[in-house]
Amino acid sequence: MVTMEGKVTIVTGAAGGIGSAAAQALVDAGSSVLMVDVDQDGLAQARSDVQGGNVQTFVADVTDKDQVEAYTKYAVDTFGHLDAAILNAGTFGKSYSIMDFPEELFDRVMAINMKGMWYGMRAAIPYMRKNGSGSLVLTSSTQGLTGYYSSSPFTASKQAVVGLMRNAAVELATEKIRVNTVHLGFTDTTMMAEVAIDANPDDPASVKDTFERASPMKRYARPEEVANMMVFLASDAASYCTGGEFVVDGGLTGFHGGARADYAG
């Protein structure tokens, strides 16, 4: 049985569908939670949707090292210690070919998706060392395992997350700090809705339909299904899991050999 009773967990990107679902699943498992996001209004709404539990919020930009250190310290000051961090903040950016991708946007995607993870890990690890154990769960994507059309910085950043995870898992294993990635397929989130609009502003529903047909399970994942994997990895139930790539994609990667769909943008 997965339990987080008495544990303290940070969730970044907590205003989004997956982050808020993770916060609820953690509360249900008994963890105290600090929900972090740069979107103040969205974070307030997500917090109000979480039922029960000991939950606090913190508005922070994960690309700012000082703000990352501040939210991490706040979690420990508020709850007393830190057991797990689900580093989930991320962005897709926009769809451009590798030749046309604007440099400023490329840098922004990399800063949020990769450097924000690095900052989050560096801030959390010292507190986990004091604890004598911990779990870092990093959100990647099926594009962290393969490539796709018109999204080079997203693919590059999500594969970089895997590299960070692998190195950290090796470095921290003897200190009982576990590090794993979760690789999402098509998931029913605002980000995926924005991808569909970007791909076909006149008919985003057709893009979603194409993506759903590409999945062996013929549907998007629910955020709760991804959250369940994150909470498992954060918990002591996954005590021998580190350095792993955990895929939640309805069979998409195995079936297609990658996150491919008929729609090419």
C-alpha atoms as a PDB file:
ATOM      1  CA  MET A   1       0.000   0.000   0.000  1.00  0.00           C
ATOM      2  CA  VAL A   2       1.287   3.478  -0.901  1.00  0.00           C
ATOM      3  CA  THR A   3       1.350   5.812   2.070  1.00  0.00           C
ATOM      4  CA  MET A   4       2.973   9.184   2.644  1.00  0.00           C
ATOM      5  CA  GLU A   5       1.846   9.524   6.245  1.00  0.00           C
ATOM      6  CA  GLY A   6       4.039  12.024   8.087  1.00  0.00           C
ATOM      7  CA  LYS A   7       5.914  12.961   4.911  1.00  0.00           C
ATOM      8  CA  VAL A   8       6.464  16.422   3.430  1.00  0.00           C
ATOM      9  CA  THR A   9       6.423  16.921  -0.353  1.00  0.00           C
ATOM     10  CA  ILE A  10       6.998  19.881  -2.668  1.00  0.00           C
ATOM     11  CA  VAL A  11       5.101  19.943  -5.977  1.00  0.00           C
ATOM     12  CA  THR A  12       6.097  22.467  -8.640  1.00  0.00           C
ATOM     13  CA  GLY A  13       3.886  23.331 -11.579  1.00  0.00           C
ATOM     14  CA  ALA A  14       1.097  22.847  -9.053  1.00  0.00           C
ATOM     15  CA  ALA A  15      -1.403  25.105 -10.832  1.00  0.00           C
ATOM     16  CA  GLY A  16      -1.538  22.707 -13.785  1.00  0.00           C
ATOM     17  CA  GLY A  17      -3.632  19.587 -14.136  1.00  0.00           C
ATOM     18  CA  ILE A  18      -0.904  17.098 -13.273  1.00  0.00           C
ATOM     19  CA  GLY A  19       0.563  19.184 -10.441  1.00  0.00           C
ATOM     20  CA  SER A  20      -2.790  19.742  -8.771  1.00  0.00           C
ATOM     21  CA  ALA A  21      -3.686  16.062  -9.207  1.00  0.00           C
ATOM     22  CA  ALA A  22      -0.361  15.136  -7.600  1.00  0.00           C
ATOM     23  CA  ALA A  23      -1.083  17.456  -4.670  1.00  0.00           C
ATOM     24  CA  GLN A  24      -4.466  15.808  -4.116  1.00  0.00           C
ATOM     25  CA  ALA A  25      -3.007  12.304  -4.376  1.00  0.00           C
ATOM     26  CA  LEU A  26      -0.278  13.206  -1.887  1.00  0.00           C
ATOM     27  CA  VAL A  27      -2.820  14.606   0.566  1.00  0.00           C
ATOM     28  CA  ASP A  28      -4.903  11.456   0.175  1.00  0.00           C
ATOM     29  CA  ALA A  29      -1.782   9.407   0.985  1.00  0.00           C
ATOM     30  CA  GLY A  30      -1.118  11.469   4.135  1.00  0.00           C
ATOM     31  CA  SER A  31       1.611  13.885   3.030  1.00  0.00           C
ATOM     32  CA  SER A  32       1.843  17.568   3.875  1.00  0.00           C
ATOM     33  CA  VAL A  33       2.272  19.469   0.609  1.00  0.00           C
ATOM     34  CA  LEU A  34       3.757  22.727  -0.589  1.00  0.00           C
ATOM     35  CA  MET A  35       2.215  23.656  -3.938  1.00  0.00           C
ATOM     36  CA  VAL A  36       4.468  25.915  -6.043  1.00  0.00           C
ATOM     37  CA  ASP A  37       3.716  27.764  -9.271  1.00  0.00           C
ATOM     38  CA  VAL A  38       4.503  31.070 -10.973  1.00  0.00           C
ATOM     39  CA  ASP A  39       0.797  31.580 -11.784  1.00  0.00           C
ATOM     40  CA  GLN A  40      -0.590  33.149  -8.604  1.00  0.00           C
ATOM     41  CA  ASP A  41      -4.259  33.033  -9.595  1.00  0.00           C
ATOM     42  CA  GLY A  42      -4.004  29.531 -11.007  1.00  0.00           C
ATOM     43  CA  LEU A  43      -2.207  28.346  -7.894  1.00  0.00           C
ATOM     44  CA  ALA A  44      -4.891  29.804  -5.636  1.00  0.00           C
ATOM     45  CA  GLN A  45      -7.581  28.021  -7.654  1.00  0.00           C
ATOM     46  CA  ALA A  46      -5.676  24.728  -7.609  1.00  0.00           C
ATOM     47  CA  ARG A  47      -5.208  24.999  -3.858  1.00  0.00           C
ATOM     48  CA  SER A  48      -8.929  25.579  -3.355  1.00  0.00           C
ATOM     49  CA  ASP A  49      -9.648  22.424  -5.347  1.00  0.00           C
ATOM     50  CA  VAL A  50      -7.506  20.213  -3.098  1.00  0.00           C
ATOM     51  CA  GLN A  51      -9.657  18.543  -0.484  1.00  0.00           C
ATOM     52  CA  GLY A  52      -8.345  18.047   3.046  1.00  0.00           C
ATOM     53  CA  GLY A  53      -4.804  17.761   4.284  1.00  0.00           C
ATOM     54  CA  ASN A  54      -2.066  20.153   5.350  1.00  0.00           C
ATOM     55  CA  VAL A  55      -1.362  22.219   2.237  1.00  0.00           C
ATOM     56  CA  GLN A  56       0.475  25.488   1.722  1.00  0.00           C
ATOM     57  CA  THR A  57       1.268  27.461  -1.444  1.00  0.00           C
ATOM     58  CA  PHE A  58       4.234  29.480  -2.656  1.00  0.00           C
ATOM     59  CA  VAL A  59       4.414  31.635  -5.789  1.00  0.00           C
ATOM     60  CA  ALA A  60       7.801  31.208  -7.464  1.00  0.00           C
ATOM     61  CA  ASP A  61       9.514  31.147 -10.853  1.00  0.00           C
ATOM     62  CA  VAL A  62      11.528  27.935 -11.161  1.00  0.00           C
ATOM     63  CA  THR A  63      14.033  29.657 -13.467  1.00  0.00           C
ATOM     64  CA  ASP A  64      15.094  31.943 -10.610  1.00  0.00           C
ATOM     65  CA  LYS A  65      17.560  30.151  -8.313  1.00  0.00           C
ATOM     66  CA  ASP A  66      16.852  32.434  -5.351  1.00  0.00           C
ATOM     67  CA  GLN A  67      13.110  31.837  -5.610  1.00  0.00           C
ATOM     68  CA  VAL A  68      13.662  28.075  -5.822  1.00  0.00           C
ATOM     69  CA  GLU A  69      15.816  28.152  -2.701  1.00  0.00           C
ATOM     70  CA  ALA A  70      13.172  30.304  -1.008  1.00  0.00           C
ATOM     71  CA  TYR A  71      10.267  27.928  -1.669  1.00  0.00           C
ATOM     72  CA  THR A  72      12.347  24.958  -0.541  1.00  0.00           C
ATOM     73  CA  LYS A  73      13.325  26.684   2.701  1.00  0.00           C
ATOM     74  CA  TYR A  74       9.708  27.713   3.237  1.00  0.00           C
ATOM     75  CA  ALA A  75       8.604  24.072   2.990  1.00  0.00           C
ATOM     76  CA  VAL A  76      11.109  23.013   5.642  1.00  0.00           C
ATOM     77  CA  ASP A  77      10.396  26.006   7.881  1.00  0.00           C
ATOM     78  CA  THR A  78       6.658  25.351   7.640  1.00  0.00           C
ATOM     79  CA  PHE A  79       6.536  21.566   7.925  1.00  0.00           C
ATOM     80  CA  GLY A  80       9.826  20.774   9.691  1.00  0.00           C
ATOM     81  CA  HIS A  81      11.590  18.632   7.094  1.00  0.00           C
ATOM     82  CA  LEU A  82      11.498  17.557   3.436  1.00  0.00           C
ATOM     83  CA  ASP A  83      10.978  14.016   2.193  1.00  0.00           C
ATOM     84  CA  ALA A  84      10.131  14.369  -1.482  1.00  0.00           C
ATOM     85  CA  ALA A  85       9.963  16.835  -4.338  1.00  0.00           C
ATOM     86  CA  ILE A  86       7.893  16.324  -7.467  1.00  0.00           C
ATOM     87  CA  LEU A  87       9.563  18.725  -9.895  1.00  0.00           C
ATOM     88  CA  ASN A  88       6.806  19.069 -12.436  1.00  0.00           C
ATOM     89  CA  ALA A  89       6.941  22.661 -13.753  1.00  0.00           C
ATOM     90  CA  GLY A  90       7.306  22.698 -17.513  1.00  0.00           C
ATOM     91  CA  THR A  91       6.299  24.260 -20.806  1.00  0.00           C
ATOM     92  CA  PHE A  92       5.933  23.053 -24.373  1.00  0.00           C
ATOM     93  CA  GLY A  93       6.636  26.426 -25.961  1.00  0.00           C
ATOM     94  CA  LYS A  94       5.386  26.642 -29.530  1.00  0.00           C
ATOM     95  CA  SER A  95       5.604  24.572 -32.685  1.00  0.00           C
ATOM     96  CA  TYR A  96       8.419  25.650 -35.012  1.00  0.00           C
ATOM     97  CA  SER A  97      10.880  23.732 -37.145  1.00  0.00           C
ATOM     98  CA  ILE A  98      14.421  23.459 -35.817  1.00  0.00           C
ATOM     99  CA  MET A  99      15.509  26.094 -38.363  1.00  0.00           C
ATOM    100  CA  ASP A 100      12.754  28.557 -37.457  1.00  0.00           C
ATOM    101  CA  PHE A 101      12.553  28.223 -33.684  1.00  0.00           C
ATOM    102  CA  PRO A 102      13.005  31.679 -32.091  1.00  0.00           C
ATOM    103  CA  GLU A 103      16.139  31.715 -29.956  1.00  0.00           C
ATOM    104  CA  GLU A 104      14.520  33.586 -27.065  1.00  0.00           C
ATOM    105  CA  LEU A 105      11.703  31.035 -26.842  1.00  0.00           C
ATOM    106  CA  PHE A 106      14.172  28.152 -27.197  1.00  0.00           C
ATOM    107  CA  ASP A 107      16.114  29.508 -24.217  1.00  0.00           C
ATOM    108  CA  ARG A 108      12.916  29.964 -22.198  1.00  0.00           C
ATOM    109  CA  VAL A 109      11.799  26.364 -22.750  1.00  0.00           C
ATOM    110  CA  MET A 110      15.223  25.073 -21.769  1.00  0.00           C
ATOM    111  CA  ALA A 111      15.338  27.314 -18.695  1.00  0.00           C
ATOM    112  CA  ILE A 112      11.990  26.103 -17.353  1.00  0.00           C
ATOM    113  CA  ASN A 113      12.164  22.439 -18.316  1.00  0.00           C
ATOM    114  CA  MET A 114      15.820  21.702 -17.626  1.00  0.00           C
ATOM    115  CA  LYS A 115      17.481  24.384 -15.535  1.00  0.00           C
ATOM    116  CA  GLY A 116      14.436  24.700 -13.296  1.00  0.00           C
ATOM    117  CA  MET A 117      14.793  20.979 -12.539  1.00  0.00           C
ATOM    118  CA  TRP A 118      18.470  21.436 -11.707  1.00  0.00           C
ATOM    119  CA  TYR A 119      17.728  24.330  -9.371  1.00  0.00           C
ATOM    120  CA  GLY A 120      14.976  22.325  -7.691  1.00  0.00           C
ATOM    121  CA  MET A 121      17.211  19.312  -7.149  1.00  0.00           C
ATOM    122  CA  ARG A 122      20.097  21.401  -5.803  1.00  0.00           C
ATOM    123  CA  ALA A 123      17.812  23.172  -3.340  1.00  0.00           C
ATOM    124  CA  ALA A 124      16.138  19.991  -2.072  1.00  0.00           C
ATOM    125  CA  ILE A 125      19.123  17.663  -1.728  1.00  0.00           C
ATOM    126  CA  PRO A 126      20.764  19.320   1.332  1.00  0.00           C
ATOM    127  CA  TYR A 127      17.512  19.002   3.315  1.00  0.00           C
ATOM    128  CA  MET A 128      17.096  15.380   2.227  1.00  0.00           C
ATOM    129  CA  ARG A 129      20.657  14.686   3.346  1.00  0.00           C
ATOM    130  CA  LYS A 130      19.754  16.033   6.783  1.00  0.00           C
ATOM    131  CA  ASN A 131      16.744  13.714   6.728  1.00  0.00           C
ATOM    132  CA  GLY A 132      18.886  10.720   5.780  1.00  0.00           C
ATOM    133  CA  SER A 133      16.673   9.908   2.777  1.00  0.00           C
ATOM    134  CA  GLY A 134      14.483  11.433   0.103  1.00  0.00           C
ATOM    135  CA  SER A 135      12.877  11.102  -3.291  1.00  0.00           C
ATOM    136  CA  LEU A 136      13.144  13.382  -6.317  1.00  0.00           C
ATOM    137  CA  VAL A 137      10.543  12.805  -9.031  1.00  0.00           C
ATOM    138  CA  LEU A 138      11.216  14.685 -12.274  1.00  0.00           C
ATOM    139  CA  THR A 139       8.533  15.137 -14.919  1.00  0.00           C
ATOM    140  CA  SER A 140       9.765  14.287 -18.393  1.00  0.00           C
ATOM    141  CA  SER A 141       7.777  13.150 -21.446  1.00  0.00           C
ATOM    142  CA  THR A 142       7.702  10.461 -24.081  1.00  0.00           C
ATOM    143  CA  GLN A 143       9.775  13.049 -25.936  1.00  0.00           C
ATOM    144  CA  GLY A 144      12.379  12.492 -23.242  1.00  0.00           C
ATOM    145  CA  LEU A 145      12.800   9.078 -24.864  1.00  0.00           C
ATOM    146  CA  THR A 146      12.300   9.921 -28.541  1.00  0.00           C
ATOM    147  CA  GLY A 147      11.705  12.843 -30.894  1.00  0.00           C
ATOM    148  CA  TYR A 148       8.723  14.538 -32.475  1.00  0.00           C
ATOM    149  CA  TYR A 149       7.850  17.235 -34.982  1.00  0.00           C
ATOM    150  CA  SER A 150       8.433  20.968 -34.524  1.00  0.00           C
ATOM    151  CA  SER A 151       9.402  20.889 -30.837  1.00  0.00           C
ATOM    152  CA  SER A 152      13.187  20.670 -30.649  1.00  0.00           C
ATOM    153  CA  PRO A 153      13.699  22.525 -27.335  1.00  0.00           C
ATOM    154  CA  PHE A 154      10.944  20.544 -25.620  1.00  0.00           C
ATOM    155  CA  THR A 155      12.532  17.284 -26.774  1.00  0.00           C
ATOM    156  CA  ALA A 156      16.040  18.462 -25.881  1.00  0.00           C
ATOM    157  CA  SER A 157      14.985  19.681 -22.446  1.00  0.00           C
ATOM    158  CA  LYS A 158      13.042  16.551 -21.565  1.00  0.00           C
ATOM    159  CA  GLN A 159      15.961  14.356 -22.608  1.00  0.00           C
ATOM    160  CA  ALA A 160      18.276  16.565 -20.552  1.00  0.00           C
ATOM    161  CA  VAL A 161      16.069  15.849 -17.549  1.00  0.00           C
ATOM    162  CA  VAL A 162      16.829  12.151 -18.022  1.00  0.00           C
ATOM    163  CA  GLY A 163      20.542  12.940 -17.957  1.00  0.00           C
ATOM    164  CA  LEU A 164      20.179  14.929 -14.749  1.00  0.00           C
ATOM    165  CA  MET A 165      18.201  12.092 -13.203  1.00  0.00           C
ATOM    166  CA  ARG A 166      20.717   9.410 -14.135  1.00  0.00           C
ATOM    167  CA  ASN A 167      23.692  11.293 -12.779  1.00  0.00           C
ATOM    168  CA  ALA A 168      21.914  12.305  -9.583  1.00  0.00           C
ATOM    169  CA  ALA A 169      20.646   8.776  -8.993  1.00  0.00           C
ATOM    170  CA  VAL A 170      24.192   7.402  -9.151  1.00  0.00           C
ATOM    171  CA  GLU A 171      25.634  10.169  -6.986  1.00  0.00           C
ATOM    172  CA  LEU A 172      22.954   9.993  -4.299  1.00  0.00           C
ATOM    173  CA  ALA A 173      22.150   6.277  -4.084  1.00  0.00           C
ATOM    174  CA  THR A 174      24.351   5.598  -1.052  1.00  0.00           C
ATOM    175  CA  GLU A 175      22.665   8.501   0.750  1.00  0.00           C
ATOM    176  CA  LYS A 176      19.238   6.901   0.271  1.00  0.00           C
ATOM    177  CA  ILE A 177      18.052   9.733  -1.968  1.00  0.00           C
ATOM    178  CA  ARG A 178      16.232   8.286  -4.947  1.00  0.00           C
ATOM    179  CA  VAL A 179      15.807  10.042  -8.298  1.00  0.00           C
ATOM    180  CA  ASN A 180      13.455   8.977 -11.094  1.00  0.00           C
ATOM    181  CA  THR A 181      11.705  10.415 -14.140  1.00  0.00           C
ATOM    182  CA  VAL A 182       8.065  10.092 -15.145  1.00  0.00           C
ATOM    183  CA  HIS A 183       7.421  10.129 -18.893  1.00  0.00           C
ATOM    184  CA  LEU A 184       3.980  11.323 -19.920  1.00  0.00           C
ATOM    185  CA  GLY A 185       2.203  10.550 -23.128  1.00  0.00           C
ATOM    186  CA  PHE A 186      -0.899  12.377 -24.326  1.00  0.00           C
ATOM    187  CA  THR A 187      -2.538  13.661 -21.141  1.00  0.00           C
ATOM    188  CA  ASP A 188      -5.718  15.670 -20.635  1.00  0.00           C
ATOM    189  CA  THR A 189      -4.111  18.940 -19.507  1.00  0.00           C
ATOM    190  CA  THR A 190      -4.144  22.609 -20.438  1.00  0.00           C
ATOM    191  CA  MET A 191      -0.717  22.149 -22.023  1.00  0.00           C
ATOM    192  CA  MET A 192      -2.036  19.500 -24.411  1.00  0.00           C
ATOM    193  CA  ALA A 193      -5.032  21.689 -25.235  1.00  0.00           C
ATOM    194  CA  GLU A 194      -2.636  24.516 -26.097  1.00  0.00           C
ATOM    195  CA  VAL A 195      -0.570  22.172 -28.276  1.00  0.00           C
ATOM    196  CA  ALA A 196      -3.713  21.237 -30.207  1.00  0.00           C
ATOM    197  CA  ILE A 197      -4.668  24.895 -30.687  1.00  0.00           C
ATOM    198  CA  ASP A 198      -1.148  25.738 -31.829  1.00  0.00           C
ATOM    199  CA  ALA A 199      -1.175  22.852 -34.294  1.00  0.00           C
ATOM    200  CA  ASN A 200      -4.572  23.681 -35.796  1.00  0.00           C
ATOM    201  CA  PRO A 201      -6.228  26.863 -34.469  1.00  0.00           C
ATOM    202  CA  ASP A 202      -9.287  26.302 -36.655  1.00  0.00           C
ATOM    203  CA  ASP A 203      -9.956  22.762 -35.493  1.00  0.00           C
ATOM    204  CA  PRO A 204      -7.996  21.747 -32.350  1.00  0.00           C
ATOM    205  CA  ALA A 205     -10.496  18.963 -31.698  1.00  0.00           C
ATOM    206  CA  SER A 206      -9.249  17.169 -34.806  1.00  0.00           C
ATOM    207  CA  VAL A 207      -5.700  17.245 -33.414  1.00  0.00           C
ATOM    208  CA  LYS A 208      -6.838  15.716 -30.139  1.00  0.00           C
ATOM    209  CA  ASP A 209      -8.753  13.065 -32.071  1.00  0.00           C
ATOM    210  CA  THR A 210      -5.621  12.212 -34.061  1.00  0.00           C
ATOM    211  CA  PHE A 211      -3.517  11.947 -30.925  1.00  0.00           C
ATOM    212  CA  GLU A 212      -6.107   9.757 -29.232  1.00  0.00           C
ATOM    213  CA  ARG A 213      -6.248   7.429 -32.234  1.00  0.00           C
ATOM    214  CA  ALA A 214      -2.445   7.175 -32.123  1.00  0.00           C
ATOM    215  CA  SER A 215      -2.581   5.777 -28.597  1.00  0.00           C
ATOM    216  CA  PRO A 216      -3.123   2.016 -28.241  1.00  0.00           C
ATOM    217  CA  MET A 217      -5.622   2.810 -25.474  1.00  0.00           C
ATOM    218  CA  LYS A 218      -7.387   5.331 -27.744  1.00  0.00           C
ATOM    219  CA  ARG A 219      -7.625   8.080 -25.138  1.00  0.00           C
ATOM    220  CA  TYR A 220      -5.652  10.675 -23.232  1.00  0.00           C
ATOM    221  CA  ALA A 221      -4.382   9.876 -19.766  1.00  0.00           C
ATOM    222  CA  ARG A 222      -6.206  11.470 -16.871  1.00  0.00           C
ATOM    223  CA  PRO A 223      -3.941  13.655 -14.694  1.00  0.00           C
ATOM    224  CA  GLU A 224      -4.786  11.411 -11.743  1.00  0.00           C
ATOM    225  CA  GLU A 225      -3.244   8.431 -13.528  1.00  0.00           C
ATOM    226  CA  VAL A 226       0.055  10.274 -13.873  1.00  0.00           C
ATOM    227  CA  ALA A 227      -0.164  11.537 -10.287  1.00  0.00           C
ATOM    228  CA  ASN A 228      -0.523   7.992  -8.987  1.00  0.00           C
ATOM    229  CA  MET A 229       2.842   7.071 -10.501  1.00  0.00           C
ATOM    230  CA  MET A 230       4.456  10.200  -9.070  1.00  0.00           C
ATOM    231  CA  VAL A 231       3.181   9.477  -5.570  1.00  0.00           C
ATOM    232  CA  PHE A 232       4.335   5.853  -5.778  1.00  0.00           C
ATOM    233  CA  LEU A 233       7.857   7.009  -6.667  1.00  0.00           C
ATOM    234  CA  ALA A 234       7.815   9.636  -3.924  1.00  0.00           C
ATOM    235  CA  SER A 235       6.783   7.063  -1.331  1.00  0.00           C
ATOM    236  CA  ASP A 236       8.692   4.345   0.506  1.00  0.00           C
ATOM    237  CA  ALA A 237       6.782   1.797  -1.575  1.00  0.00           C
ATOM    238  CA  ALA A 238       9.352   2.591  -4.297  1.00  0.00           C
ATOM    239  CA  SER A 239      12.307   2.210  -1.914  1.00  0.00           C
ATOM    240  CA  TYR A 240      14.417   0.248  -4.438  1.00  0.00           C
ATOM    241  CA  CYS A 241      13.526   2.398  -7.447  1.00  0.00           C
ATOM    242  CA  THR A 242      16.171   4.898  -8.494  1.00  0.00           C
ATOM    243  CA  GLY A 243      17.669   5.892 -11.827  1.00  0.00           C
ATOM    244  CA  GLY A 244      14.503   4.750 -13.590  1.00  0.00           C
ATOM    245  CA  GLU A 245      12.362   6.029 -16.448  1.00  0.00           C
ATOM    246  CA  PHE A 246       8.728   5.352 -15.591  1.00  0.00           C
ATOM    247  CA  VAL A 247       6.410   5.666 -18.586  1.00  0.00           C
ATOM    248  CA  VAL A 248       2.723   6.606 -18.278  1.00  0.00           C
ATOM    249  CA  ASP A 249       1.589   6.743 -21.893  1.00  0.00           C
ATOM    250  CA  GLY A 250      -1.042   4.078 -22.540  1.00  0.00           C
ATOM    251  CA  GLY A 251       1.419   2.019 -24.596  1.00  0.00           C
ATOM    252  CA  LEU A 252       2.262   4.833 -27.020  1.00  0.00           C
ATOM    253  CA  THR A 253       6.048   4.565 -26.840  1.00  0.00           C
ATOM    254  CA  GLY A 254       6.149   0.802 -27.107  1.00  0.00           C
ATOM    255  CA  PHE A 255       3.578   0.648 -29.899  1.00  0.00           C
ATOM    256  CA  HIS A 256       5.006   3.368 -32.109  1.00  0.00           C
ATOM    257  CA  GLY A 257       8.650   3.259 -31.062  1.00  0.00           C
ATOM    258  CA  GLY A 258       8.157   6.871 -30.036  1.00  0.00           C
ATOM    259  CA  ALA A 259       5.604   9.599 -29.398  1.00  0.00           C
ATOM    260  CA  ARG A 260       4.414   9.670 -33.008  1.00  0.00           C
ATOM    261  CA  ALA A 261       1.010  10.416 -34.413  1.00  0.00           C
ATOM    262  CA  ASP A 262      -0.351  10.875 -37.911  1.00  0.00           C
ATOM    263  CA  TYR A 263      -0.540  14.635 -37.385  1.00  0.00           C
ATOM    264  CA  ALA A 264       2.771  16.286 -38.280  1.00  0.00           C
ATOM    265  CA  GLY A 265       1.872  19.905 -37.511  1.00  0.00           C
END
